[in-house]
Amino acid sequence: MDKEKVYNILKNKEIKDIYYDDRPVWIQEINGNIAKVGFADNFEERDVYIEDLYEDNFLNK
């Protein structure tokens, strides 16, 4: 995912299915090329590269 897309999701408070490593996440904040995400399947948080995030439909293209 590119940085502009992530900023638009956060700015517009869009509800999107965002994934990291096949796990659903929500984006908490962005710092440069790093996004702080929370995992929907537990209470884990992690800093990940924005480029490693993807939307659900990305795999279906």
C-alpha atoms as a PDB file:
ATOM      1  CA  MET A   1       0.000   0.000   0.000  1.00  0.00           C
ATOM      2  CA  ASP A   2       1.316   3.469  -0.655  1.00  0.00           C
ATOM      3  CA  LYS A   3       1.614   6.251   1.910  1.00  0.00           C
ATOM      4  CA  GLU A   4      -0.970   8.498   0.209  1.00  0.00           C
ATOM      5  CA  LYS A   5      -3.631   5.760   0.387  1.00  0.00           C
ATOM      6  CA  VAL A   6      -2.950   5.220   4.098  1.00  0.00           C
ATOM      7  CA  TYR A   7      -3.181   8.962   4.789  1.00  0.00           C
ATOM      8  CA  ASN A   8      -6.512   9.127   2.929  1.00  0.00           C
ATOM      9  CA  ILE A   9      -7.913   6.233   4.946  1.00  0.00           C
ATOM     10  CA  LEU A  10      -6.910   7.921   8.218  1.00  0.00           C
ATOM     11  CA  LYS A  11      -8.011  11.400   7.144  1.00  0.00           C
ATOM     12  CA  ASN A  12     -11.446  10.291   5.958  1.00  0.00           C
ATOM     13  CA  LYS A  13     -11.857   7.719   8.718  1.00  0.00           C
ATOM     14  CA  GLU A  14     -12.735   5.196   6.022  1.00  0.00           C
ATOM     15  CA  ILE A  15     -13.681   1.700   7.052  1.00  0.00           C
ATOM     16  CA  LYS A  16     -11.455  -0.567   5.003  1.00  0.00           C
ATOM     17  CA  ASP A  17     -10.347  -4.149   5.324  1.00  0.00           C
ATOM     18  CA  ILE A  18      -6.605  -3.673   5.779  1.00  0.00           C
ATOM     19  CA  TYR A  19      -4.239  -6.601   6.285  1.00  0.00           C
ATOM     20  CA  TYR A  20      -0.684  -7.268   7.347  1.00  0.00           C
ATOM     21  CA  ASP A  21       0.717 -10.765   6.915  1.00  0.00           C
ATOM     22  CA  ASP A  22      -2.785 -12.191   6.279  1.00  0.00           C
ATOM     23  CA  ARG A  23      -4.066 -10.701   9.550  1.00  0.00           C
ATOM     24  CA  PRO A  24      -6.676  -7.919   9.758  1.00  0.00           C
ATOM     25  CA  VAL A  25      -5.365  -4.691  11.274  1.00  0.00           C
ATOM     26  CA  TRP A  26      -6.418  -1.140  11.953  1.00  0.00           C
ATOM     27  CA  ILE A  27      -4.012   1.711  11.389  1.00  0.00           C
ATOM     28  CA  GLN A  28      -3.443   3.760  14.524  1.00  0.00           C
ATOM     29  CA  GLU A  29      -0.876   6.283  13.301  1.00  0.00           C
ATOM     30  CA  ILE A  30       1.786   6.928  10.709  1.00  0.00           C
ATOM     31  CA  ASN A  31       5.356   8.093  11.205  1.00  0.00           C
ATOM     32  CA  GLY A  32       7.254   8.373   7.921  1.00  0.00           C
ATOM     33  CA  ASN A  33       7.078   5.003   6.178  1.00  0.00           C
ATOM     34  CA  ILE A  34       6.045   3.191   9.352  1.00  0.00           C
ATOM     35  CA  ALA A  35       2.470   2.554  10.447  1.00  0.00           C
ATOM     36  CA  LYS A  36       1.522   1.585  13.972  1.00  0.00           C
ATOM     37  CA  VAL A  37      -1.168  -1.056  13.630  1.00  0.00           C
ATOM     38  CA  GLY A  38      -3.355  -2.990  15.992  1.00  0.00           C
ATOM     39  CA  PHE A  39      -4.384  -6.527  15.134  1.00  0.00           C
ATOM     40  CA  ALA A  40      -8.106  -7.274  15.049  1.00  0.00           C
ATOM     41  CA  ASP A  41      -7.627 -10.868  16.216  1.00  0.00           C
ATOM     42  CA  ASN A  42      -5.921  -9.955  19.520  1.00  0.00           C
ATOM     43  CA  PHE A  43      -4.554  -6.975  21.447  1.00  0.00           C
ATOM     44  CA  GLU A  44      -1.131  -6.997  19.787  1.00  0.00           C
ATOM     45  CA  GLU A  45       0.282  -3.774  18.340  1.00  0.00           C
ATOM     46  CA  ARG A  46       3.228  -3.513  15.976  1.00  0.00           C
ATOM     47  CA  ASP A  47       5.122  -0.985  13.876  1.00  0.00           C
ATOM     48  CA  VAL A  48       5.172  -2.145  10.247  1.00  0.00           C
ATOM     49  CA  TYR A  49       6.237  -0.721   6.908  1.00  0.00           C
ATOM     50  CA  ILE A  50       3.333   0.918   5.073  1.00  0.00           C
ATOM     51  CA  GLU A  51       4.297  -0.946   1.906  1.00  0.00           C
ATOM     52  CA  ASP A  52       3.556  -4.245   3.694  1.00  0.00           C
ATOM     53  CA  LEU A  53      -0.112  -3.315   4.278  1.00  0.00           C
ATOM     54  CA  TYR A  54      -2.751  -4.285   1.742  1.00  0.00           C
ATOM     55  CA  GLU A  55      -6.489  -4.197   1.204  1.00  0.00           C
ATOM     56  CA  ASP A  56      -8.601  -7.340   0.981  1.00  0.00           C
ATOM     57  CA  ASN A  57      -9.309  -6.889  -2.729  1.00  0.00           C
ATOM     58  CA  PHE A  58      -5.565  -6.610  -3.507  1.00  0.00           C
ATOM     59  CA  LEU A  59      -5.243 -10.395  -3.518  1.00  0.00           C
ATOM     60  CA  ASN A  60      -8.265 -10.804  -5.791  1.00  0.00           C
ATOM     61  CA  LYS A  61      -6.847  -8.741  -8.671  1.00  0.00           C
END
